[in-house]
Amino acid sequence: MELYESVKSLVGGADFELVLKKPTGKYFYYAFCRFSDIYTARKLIKEIRFPQIQGKVCRALPYDRELKSIDNNTSKASLFIKGLRKDWSHKDLFEYFKPFGEITSVKISLNENHLSRGYGFVLFTREEFALRALETLNGQ
């Protein structure tokens, strides 16, 4: 209900549908929010990229069929990051890598207590952004 009310307050009177799911055997939930207007969806994703729900920093991503089947060009724009602090969130990882270029998505692997397992992933929109980050930060 907290997520529904949060989205509702941000989109005003726009029409949307919220679907909440919990994968079998998992300790987390995920949600889909469908809009009748693509402009409202884009505005919302910019405004609440990292919503806080029940005190936990979450991540909001646009659904993109192309991301479901990552090809070789996209995988070259992806970085595996290790050595992250346990208190880092998806938002912290995004903010840290944002100076290197436009980011499609970030993800930190979290345990059941919603704490970082010490590693994550950054997917840039272009390979050169990933290379810039790798050249600057590798080994730090």
Protein backbone atom coordinates (compact mmCIF):
# COMPACT_ATOMS: atom_id res chain seq x y z
CA MET A 1 0.00 0.00 0.00
CA GLU A 2 2.89 2.37 0.75
CA LEU A 3 4.21 1.97 -2.81
CA TYR A 4 0.78 2.55 -4.35
CA GLU A 5 0.23 5.73 -2.34
CA SER A 6 3.73 6.98 -3.19
CA VAL A 7 3.22 6.48 -6.94
CA LYS A 8 -0.28 7.96 -6.77
CA SER A 9 1.01 11.12 -5.09
CA LEU A 10 3.69 11.58 -7.77
CA VAL A 11 1.51 11.00 -10.85
CA GLY A 12 -1.53 12.92 -9.65
CA GLY A 13 -4.62 11.88 -11.58
CA ALA A 14 -2.79 9.74 -14.17
CA ASP A 15 -4.20 6.28 -14.76
CA PHE A 16 -1.92 3.42 -13.61
CA GLU A 17 -1.99 -0.17 -12.42
CA LEU A 18 0.37 -1.61 -9.80
CA VAL A 19 1.18 -5.32 -9.63
CA LEU A 20 3.21 -6.63 -6.67
CA LYS A 21 4.82 -10.09 -6.83
CA LYS A 22 6.98 -12.25 -4.60
CA PRO A 23 9.03 -14.97 -6.30
CA THR A 24 8.62 -18.42 -4.72
CA GLY A 25 11.31 -19.09 -2.13
CA LYS A 26 12.65 -15.52 -2.19
CA TYR A 27 12.67 -12.93 0.59
CA PHE A 28 12.05 -9.94 -1.68
CA TYR A 29 9.20 -8.52 -3.73
CA TYR A 30 9.10 -6.77 -7.05
CA ALA A 31 6.45 -4.61 -8.62
CA PHE A 32 5.30 -3.56 -12.07
CA CYS A 33 3.59 -0.27 -12.61
CA ARG A 34 1.70 0.09 -15.90
CA PHE A 35 0.73 3.47 -17.27
CA SER A 36 -1.60 4.39 -20.10
CA ASP A 37 0.70 7.33 -20.91
CA ILE A 38 4.40 6.82 -21.69
CA TYR A 39 5.23 10.41 -20.75
CA THR A 40 3.92 9.93 -17.22
CA ALA A 41 5.95 6.72 -16.92
CA ARG A 42 9.14 8.46 -18.06
CA LYS A 43 8.57 11.38 -15.70
CA LEU A 44 7.99 9.04 -12.80
CA ILE A 45 11.09 6.94 -13.46
CA LYS A 46 13.24 10.09 -13.39
CA GLU A 47 11.65 11.35 -10.18
CA ILE A 48 11.75 8.13 -8.19
CA ARG A 49 14.68 6.15 -9.56
CA PHE A 50 15.50 4.97 -6.03
CA PRO A 51 12.31 5.02 -3.94
CA GLN A 52 12.49 4.33 -0.24
CA ILE A 53 9.91 1.78 0.88
CA GLN A 54 9.65 0.77 4.53
CA GLY A 55 13.04 2.35 5.18
CA LYS A 56 14.79 0.39 2.39
CA VAL A 57 16.28 2.00 -0.73
CA CYS A 58 14.85 0.23 -3.77
CA ARG A 59 15.37 0.73 -7.49
CA ALA A 60 12.88 1.63 -10.17
CA LEU A 61 13.65 0.72 -13.77
CA PRO A 62 11.75 1.08 -17.00
CA TYR A 63 10.77 -2.23 -18.52
CA ASP A 64 12.88 -2.75 -21.61
CA ARG A 65 12.51 -5.89 -23.71
CA GLU A 66 15.96 -5.28 -25.17
CA LEU A 67 17.58 -5.57 -21.73
CA LYS A 68 16.08 -9.02 -21.24
CA SER A 69 18.38 -10.48 -23.89
CA ILE A 70 21.67 -8.67 -23.46
CA ASP A 71 23.83 -8.97 -26.56
CA ASN A 72 27.62 -8.73 -26.80
CA ASN A 73 27.63 -4.97 -27.35
CA THR A 74 25.57 -4.33 -24.23
CA SER A 75 27.56 -6.79 -22.12
CA LYS A 76 30.72 -4.81 -22.93
CA ALA A 77 29.06 -1.84 -21.24
CA SER A 78 28.48 -3.83 -18.04
CA LEU A 79 30.82 -3.88 -15.05
CA PHE A 80 31.01 -6.28 -12.10
CA ILE A 81 31.97 -4.31 -8.99
CA LYS A 82 33.35 -5.98 -5.85
CA GLY A 83 34.53 -4.69 -2.50
CA LEU A 84 31.44 -2.56 -1.83
CA ARG A 85 30.66 -1.50 1.70
CA LYS A 86 27.87 -3.44 3.40
CA ASP A 87 25.81 -0.28 3.96
CA TRP A 88 25.76 0.75 0.28
CA SER A 89 22.47 0.88 -1.60
CA HIS A 90 21.63 0.83 -5.32
CA LYS A 91 21.48 4.62 -5.15
CA ASP A 92 25.00 4.88 -3.69
CA LEU A 93 26.38 2.73 -6.50
CA PHE A 94 24.54 4.82 -9.11
CA GLU A 95 25.83 8.10 -7.68
CA TYR A 96 29.40 6.78 -7.53
CA PHE A 97 29.46 5.73 -11.20
CA LYS A 98 27.29 8.52 -12.63
CA PRO A 99 30.28 10.80 -13.43
CA PHE A 100 31.59 8.25 -15.96
CA GLY A 101 28.55 8.35 -18.25
CA GLU A 102 24.87 7.57 -18.66
CA ILE A 103 23.77 4.50 -16.71
CA THR A 104 21.02 2.11 -17.77
CA SER A 105 20.84 0.25 -14.46
CA VAL A 106 22.70 -0.60 -11.28
CA LYS A 107 22.18 -3.48 -8.91
CA ILE A 108 23.76 -4.41 -5.62
CA SER A 109 23.37 -7.99 -4.47
CA LEU A 110 21.52 -7.84 -1.17
CA ASN A 111 21.09 -10.39 1.60
CA GLU A 112 17.81 -11.14 3.41
CA ASN A 113 18.48 -8.21 5.79
CA HIS A 114 18.66 -5.84 2.81
CA LEU A 115 22.41 -5.28 3.30
CA SER A 116 24.99 -5.40 0.52
CA ARG A 117 26.82 -8.67 -0.05
CA GLY A 118 29.78 -6.54 -1.16
CA TYR A 119 29.30 -6.75 -4.92
CA GLY A 120 27.10 -5.34 -7.65
CA PHE A 121 26.69 -4.51 -11.32
CA VAL A 122 26.65 -1.31 -13.36
CA LEU A 123 25.26 -1.28 -16.89
CA PHE A 124 26.19 1.82 -18.89
CA THR A 125 24.43 2.91 -22.07
CA ARG A 126 27.72 2.81 -23.98
CA GLU A 127 30.88 0.73 -23.86
CA GLU A 128 33.18 3.77 -23.66
CA PHE A 129 31.54 4.86 -20.39
CA ALA A 130 32.29 1.46 -18.85
CA LEU A 131 35.88 1.62 -20.13
CA ARG A 132 36.33 5.11 -18.66
CA ALA A 133 35.14 3.88 -15.26
CA LEU A 134 37.28 0.76 -15.48
CA GLU A 135 40.43 2.70 -16.41
CA THR A 136 39.88 5.21 -13.62
CA LEU A 137 38.80 2.91 -10.80
CA ASN A 138 40.31 -0.51 -11.50
CA GLY A 139 42.28 -1.68 -8.45
CA GLN A 140 40.95 0.97 -6.07
